[in-house]
Amino acid sequence: MEYDVVLKKKVLKGLRKLPLWVQKKLGLLVVDLKDNGPEQPGRQNYSKLSSEEYHCHLGKSWVPCWRHRKKTIVIEVYYVGSREKAPY
């Protein structure tokens, strides 16, 4: 099954400010989310934040957070940024 990955408006606005290597890793994560779904156990420091929310590390101090409501094909990336400011 292929999932639809949606980046929140705030994430899209902040992408330009992220280092290029973080942007590239996020692109790879988006491809993996589309192909394999919200659970990404092979990712660095991947964990479930709740029954619908997940996160992993793109580097030592950069994290994306996403949510997936059960019985839907939409995955929403709602945060990408520094680990210190992450909303979990």
C-alpha atoms as a PDB file:
ATOM      1  CA  MET A   1       0.000   0.000   0.000  1.00  0.00           C
ATOM      2  CA  GLU A   2       1.243   3.481  -0.794  1.00  0.00           C
ATOM      3  CA  TYR A   3       0.653   6.250   1.743  1.00  0.00           C
ATOM      4  CA  ASP A   4       0.098   9.969   1.137  1.00  0.00           C
ATOM      5  CA  VAL A   5       2.667  12.046   3.029  1.00  0.00           C
ATOM      6  CA  VAL A   6       1.658  15.620   3.813  1.00  0.00           C
ATOM      7  CA  LEU A   7       4.073  18.223   5.170  1.00  0.00           C
ATOM      8  CA  LYS A   8       2.405  20.860   7.364  1.00  0.00           C
ATOM      9  CA  LYS A   9       2.698  24.458   6.173  1.00  0.00           C
ATOM     10  CA  LYS A  10       4.970  25.309   9.115  1.00  0.00           C
ATOM     11  CA  VAL A  11       7.341  22.473   8.145  1.00  0.00           C
ATOM     12  CA  LEU A  12       7.495  23.673   4.540  1.00  0.00           C
ATOM     13  CA  LYS A  13       8.289  27.231   5.666  1.00  0.00           C
ATOM     14  CA  GLY A  14      11.097  26.074   7.942  1.00  0.00           C
ATOM     15  CA  LEU A  15      12.731  23.692   5.472  1.00  0.00           C
ATOM     16  CA  ARG A  16      14.842  26.435   3.894  1.00  0.00           C
ATOM     17  CA  LYS A  17      16.457  27.172   7.243  1.00  0.00           C
ATOM     18  CA  LEU A  18      17.601  23.583   7.811  1.00  0.00           C
ATOM     19  CA  PRO A  19      21.049  22.388   6.720  1.00  0.00           C
ATOM     20  CA  LEU A  20      21.070  20.806   3.266  1.00  0.00           C
ATOM     21  CA  TRP A  21      22.019  17.364   4.605  1.00  0.00           C
ATOM     22  CA  VAL A  22      18.989  17.435   6.953  1.00  0.00           C
ATOM     23  CA  GLN A  23      16.730  18.348   4.022  1.00  0.00           C
ATOM     24  CA  LYS A  24      18.096  15.396   2.038  1.00  0.00           C
ATOM     25  CA  LYS A  25      17.583  12.955   4.923  1.00  0.00           C
ATOM     26  CA  LEU A  26      14.033  14.248   5.348  1.00  0.00           C
ATOM     27  CA  GLY A  27      13.440  13.590   1.647  1.00  0.00           C
ATOM     28  CA  LEU A  28      14.591   9.993   2.102  1.00  0.00           C
ATOM     29  CA  LEU A  29      12.326   9.622   5.137  1.00  0.00           C
ATOM     30  CA  VAL A  30       9.337  10.908   3.148  1.00  0.00           C
ATOM     31  CA  VAL A  31      10.003   8.303   0.446  1.00  0.00           C
ATOM     32  CA  ASP A  32      10.204   5.568   3.106  1.00  0.00           C
ATOM     33  CA  LEU A  33       6.985   6.771   4.742  1.00  0.00           C
ATOM     34  CA  LYS A  34       5.196   6.666   1.359  1.00  0.00           C
ATOM     35  CA  ASP A  35       6.432   3.173   0.582  1.00  0.00           C
ATOM     36  CA  ASN A  36       6.461   1.498   4.010  1.00  0.00           C
ATOM     37  CA  GLY A  37       4.044   3.410   6.209  1.00  0.00           C
ATOM     38  CA  PRO A  38       4.393   5.252   9.507  1.00  0.00           C
ATOM     39  CA  GLU A  39       6.371   2.631  11.420  1.00  0.00           C
ATOM     40  CA  GLN A  40      10.086   3.002  10.665  1.00  0.00           C
ATOM     41  CA  PRO A  41      11.943   0.724  13.116  1.00  0.00           C
ATOM     42  CA  GLY A  42      15.140   0.833  11.050  1.00  0.00           C
ATOM     43  CA  ARG A  43      15.537   4.572  11.573  1.00  0.00           C
ATOM     44  CA  GLN A  44      17.963   6.067  14.074  1.00  0.00           C
ATOM     45  CA  ASN A  45      16.276   6.456  17.512  1.00  0.00           C
ATOM     46  CA  TYR A  46      12.836   5.728  16.069  1.00  0.00           C
ATOM     47  CA  SER A  47      10.045   5.587  18.628  1.00  0.00           C
ATOM     48  CA  LYS A  48       6.296   5.821  18.955  1.00  0.00           C
ATOM     49  CA  LEU A  49       5.308   8.912  20.914  1.00  0.00           C
ATOM     50  CA  SER A  50       1.694   7.768  21.194  1.00  0.00           C
ATOM     51  CA  SER A  51      -0.622   5.414  19.347  1.00  0.00           C
ATOM     52  CA  GLU A  52      -0.687   7.855  16.395  1.00  0.00           C
ATOM     53  CA  GLU A  53       2.579   9.838  16.658  1.00  0.00           C
ATOM     54  CA  TYR A  54       6.167   8.872  15.832  1.00  0.00           C
ATOM     55  CA  HIS A  55       9.620  10.389  15.609  1.00  0.00           C
ATOM     56  CA  CYS A  56      13.206   9.526  14.732  1.00  0.00           C
ATOM     57  CA  HIS A  57      16.552  11.312  14.484  1.00  0.00           C
ATOM     58  CA  LEU A  58      17.973  12.636  11.234  1.00  0.00           C
ATOM     59  CA  GLY A  59      21.234  13.433  12.985  1.00  0.00           C
ATOM     60  CA  LYS A  60      22.466  14.081  16.493  1.00  0.00           C
ATOM     61  CA  SER A  61      20.191  17.073  17.058  1.00  0.00           C
ATOM     62  CA  TRP A  62      17.582  17.015  14.263  1.00  0.00           C
ATOM     63  CA  VAL A  63      14.227  15.215  14.478  1.00  0.00           C
ATOM     64  CA  PRO A  64      11.059  14.891  12.402  1.00  0.00           C
ATOM     65  CA  CYS A  65       7.718  14.061  14.020  1.00  0.00           C
ATOM     66  CA  TRP A  66       4.761  12.597  12.147  1.00  0.00           C
ATOM     67  CA  ARG A  67       1.299  11.244  12.855  1.00  0.00           C
ATOM     68  CA  HIS A  68      -0.884   8.643  11.232  1.00  0.00           C
ATOM     69  CA  ARG A  69      -4.506   8.059  12.133  1.00  0.00           C
ATOM     70  CA  LYS A  70      -5.485   4.405  11.942  1.00  0.00           C
ATOM     71  CA  LYS A  71      -7.550   3.281   8.947  1.00  0.00           C
ATOM     72  CA  THR A  72      -6.281   6.161   6.766  1.00  0.00           C
ATOM     73  CA  ILE A  73      -3.514   6.404   4.183  1.00  0.00           C
ATOM     74  CA  VAL A  74      -2.422   9.930   5.164  1.00  0.00           C
ATOM     75  CA  ILE A  75       0.779  10.518   7.125  1.00  0.00           C
ATOM     76  CA  GLU A  76       1.252  14.088   8.361  1.00  0.00           C
ATOM     77  CA  VAL A  77       4.749  15.408   9.102  1.00  0.00           C
ATOM     78  CA  TYR A  78       4.050  18.127  11.662  1.00  0.00           C
ATOM     79  CA  TYR A  79       7.541  19.013  12.918  1.00  0.00           C
ATOM     80  CA  VAL A  80      11.105  18.992  11.616  1.00  0.00           C
ATOM     81  CA  GLY A  81      13.742  20.802  13.582  1.00  0.00           C
ATOM     82  CA  SER A  82      16.035  20.732  16.549  1.00  0.00           C
ATOM     83  CA  ARG A  83      15.625  18.040  19.132  1.00  0.00           C
ATOM     84  CA  GLU A  84      15.476  20.619  21.924  1.00  0.00           C
ATOM     85  CA  LYS A  85      12.371  22.321  20.489  1.00  0.00           C
ATOM     86  CA  ALA A  86      10.511  19.164  19.485  1.00  0.00           C
ATOM     87  CA  PRO A  87       6.866  19.059  20.651  1.00  0.00           C
ATOM     88  CA  TYR A  88       6.980  15.784  22.594  1.00  0.00           C
END
